């Protein structure tokens, strides 16, 4: 693994653990695709550090379990703003 990839993986990992950000939010912050973030966290991180990978996996699973709630809030906000205009 190239050093810049290893460095990015660890930076992304620490960011996700500190903020519990979603894959989409993290990808925006780091300027890479969601696919890259997902691959970094699920494939590359376990090779680098298994303990951190387990912690990030918990965050990813938590975000996945809550995504239907965030989607519902976004839809509610969208229609509320449409009614106001």
C-alpha atoms as a PDB file:
ATOM      1  CA  UNK A   1       0.000   0.000   0.000  1.00  0.00           C
ATOM      2  CA  UNK A   2       1.349   3.407  -0.921  1.00  0.00           C
ATOM      3  CA  UNK A   3       2.162   5.749   1.942  1.00  0.00           C
ATOM      4  CA  UNK A   4      -0.272   8.501   0.934  1.00  0.00           C
ATOM      5  CA  UNK A   5      -3.134   5.974   0.888  1.00  0.00           C
ATOM      6  CA  UNK A   6      -2.129   4.616   4.294  1.00  0.00           C
ATOM      7  CA  UNK A   7      -2.002   8.161   5.685  1.00  0.00           C
ATOM      8  CA  UNK A   8      -5.436   9.019   4.198  1.00  0.00           C
ATOM      9  CA  UNK A   9      -6.970   5.839   5.609  1.00  0.00           C
ATOM     10  CA  UNK A  10      -5.798   6.688   9.123  1.00  0.00           C
ATOM     11  CA  UNK A  11      -6.889  10.338   8.828  1.00  0.00           C
ATOM     12  CA  UNK A  12     -10.334   9.310   7.592  1.00  0.00           C
ATOM     13  CA  UNK A  13     -10.587   6.712  10.338  1.00  0.00           C
ATOM     14  CA  UNK A  14      -9.839   9.206  13.096  1.00  0.00           C
ATOM     15  CA  UNK A  15     -12.207  11.762  11.559  1.00  0.00           C
ATOM     16  CA  UNK A  16     -15.065   9.258  11.446  1.00  0.00           C
ATOM     17  CA  UNK A  17     -14.431   8.125  15.011  1.00  0.00           C
ATOM     18  CA  UNK A  18     -14.253  11.697  16.323  1.00  0.00           C
ATOM     19  CA  UNK A  19     -17.332  12.993  14.493  1.00  0.00           C
ATOM     20  CA  UNK A  20     -19.377   9.831  13.744  1.00  0.00           C
ATOM     21  CA  UNK A  21     -19.799  11.342  10.274  1.00  0.00           C
ATOM     22  CA  UNK A  22     -21.460   9.416   7.488  1.00  0.00           C
ATOM     23  CA  UNK A  23     -19.538   8.105   4.502  1.00  0.00           C
ATOM     24  CA  UNK A  24     -21.040  10.875   2.360  1.00  0.00           C
ATOM     25  CA  UNK A  25     -20.083  13.628   4.813  1.00  0.00           C
ATOM     26  CA  UNK A  26     -16.576  12.228   5.173  1.00  0.00           C
ATOM     27  CA  UNK A  27     -16.113  11.971   1.410  1.00  0.00           C
ATOM     28  CA  UNK A  28     -17.050  15.636   1.051  1.00  0.00           C
ATOM     29  CA  UNK A  29     -14.567  16.718   3.734  1.00  0.00           C
ATOM     30  CA  UNK A  30     -11.685  14.728   2.230  1.00  0.00           C
ATOM     31  CA  UNK A  31     -12.551  15.453  -1.397  1.00  0.00           C
ATOM     32  CA  UNK A  32     -12.799  11.824  -2.488  1.00  0.00           C
ATOM     33  CA  UNK A  33     -15.675   9.583  -3.548  1.00  0.00           C
ATOM     34  CA  UNK A  34     -17.960   7.650  -1.234  1.00  0.00           C
ATOM     35  CA  UNK A  35     -16.603   4.473  -2.805  1.00  0.00           C
ATOM     36  CA  UNK A  36     -13.068   5.427  -1.817  1.00  0.00           C
ATOM     37  CA  UNK A  37     -14.078   6.116   1.779  1.00  0.00           C
ATOM     38  CA  UNK A  38     -15.990   2.847   1.972  1.00  0.00           C
ATOM     39  CA  UNK A  39     -13.110   0.842   0.488  1.00  0.00           C
ATOM     40  CA  UNK A  40     -10.621   2.574   2.807  1.00  0.00           C
ATOM     41  CA  UNK A  41     -12.673   1.730   5.888  1.00  0.00           C
ATOM     42  CA  UNK A  42     -13.776  -1.801   5.017  1.00  0.00           C
ATOM     43  CA  UNK A  43     -10.785  -3.208   3.122  1.00  0.00           C
ATOM     44  CA  UNK A  44      -7.666  -1.162   3.771  1.00  0.00           C
ATOM     45  CA  UNK A  45      -8.096  -0.211   7.442  1.00  0.00           C
ATOM     46  CA  UNK A  46      -8.364  -3.832   8.705  1.00  0.00           C
ATOM     47  CA  UNK A  47      -4.958  -4.513   7.140  1.00  0.00           C
ATOM     48  CA  UNK A  48      -3.457  -1.478   8.905  1.00  0.00           C
ATOM     49  CA  UNK A  49      -5.151  -1.700  12.315  1.00  0.00           C
ATOM     50  CA  UNK A  50      -7.785  -4.273  13.273  1.00  0.00           C
ATOM     51  CA  UNK A  51      -8.860  -2.489  16.474  1.00  0.00           C
ATOM     52  CA  UNK A  52      -9.548   0.792  14.683  1.00  0.00           C
ATOM     53  CA  UNK A  53     -11.342  -1.115  11.931  1.00  0.00           C
ATOM     54  CA  UNK A  54     -13.706  -2.636  14.502  1.00  0.00           C
ATOM     55  CA  UNK A  55     -14.470   0.799  15.950  1.00  0.00           C
ATOM     56  CA  UNK A  56     -15.139   2.291  12.513  1.00  0.00           C
ATOM     57  CA  UNK A  57     -17.307  -0.695  11.602  1.00  0.00           C
ATOM     58  CA  UNK A  58     -19.503   0.131  14.594  1.00  0.00           C
ATOM     59  CA  UNK A  59     -19.871   3.750  13.383  1.00  0.00           C
ATOM     60  CA  UNK A  60     -20.692   2.578   9.846  1.00  0.00           C
ATOM     61  CA  UNK A  61     -23.326   0.147  11.132  1.00  0.00           C
ATOM     62  CA  UNK A  62     -24.831   2.804  13.402  1.00  0.00           C
ATOM     63  CA  UNK A  63     -25.074   5.269  10.489  1.00  0.00           C
ATOM     64  CA  UNK A  64     -26.618   2.589   8.291  1.00  0.00           C
ATOM     65  CA  UNK A  65     -29.224   1.820  10.938  1.00  0.00           C
ATOM     66  CA  UNK A  66     -30.125   5.512  11.248  1.00  0.00           C
ATOM     67  CA  UNK A  67     -30.157   6.447   7.577  1.00  0.00           C
ATOM     68  CA  UNK A  68     -33.896   5.983   7.156  1.00  0.00           C
ATOM     69  CA  UNK A  69     -34.424   8.576   9.899  1.00  0.00           C
ATOM     70  CA  UNK A  70     -32.122  11.108   8.214  1.00  0.00           C
ATOM     71  CA  UNK A  71     -33.882  10.503   4.905  1.00  0.00           C
ATOM     72  CA  UNK A  72     -37.260  11.118   6.493  1.00  0.00           C
ATOM     73  CA  UNK A  73     -36.050  14.363   8.051  1.00  0.00           C
ATOM     74  CA  UNK A  74     -34.636  15.548   4.721  1.00  0.00           C
ATOM     75  CA  UNK A  75     -37.935  14.843   2.964  1.00  0.00           C
ATOM     76  CA  UNK A  76     -39.900  16.596   5.706  1.00  0.00           C
ATOM     77  CA  UNK A  77     -37.625  19.641   5.457  1.00  0.00           C
ATOM     78  CA  UNK A  78     -37.888  19.692   1.661  1.00  0.00           C
ATOM     79  CA  UNK A  79     -41.690  19.761   1.652  1.00  0.00           C
ATOM     80  CA  UNK A  80     -41.897  22.225   4.531  1.00  0.00           C
ATOM     81  CA  UNK A  81     -39.667  24.667   2.620  1.00  0.00           C
ATOM     82  CA  UNK A  82     -41.745  24.146  -0.538  1.00  0.00           C
ATOM     83  CA  UNK A  83     -44.951  25.045   1.347  1.00  0.00           C
ATOM     84  CA  UNK A  84     -43.393  28.217   2.743  1.00  0.00           C
ATOM     85  CA  UNK A  85     -42.443  29.509  -0.710  1.00  0.00           C
END
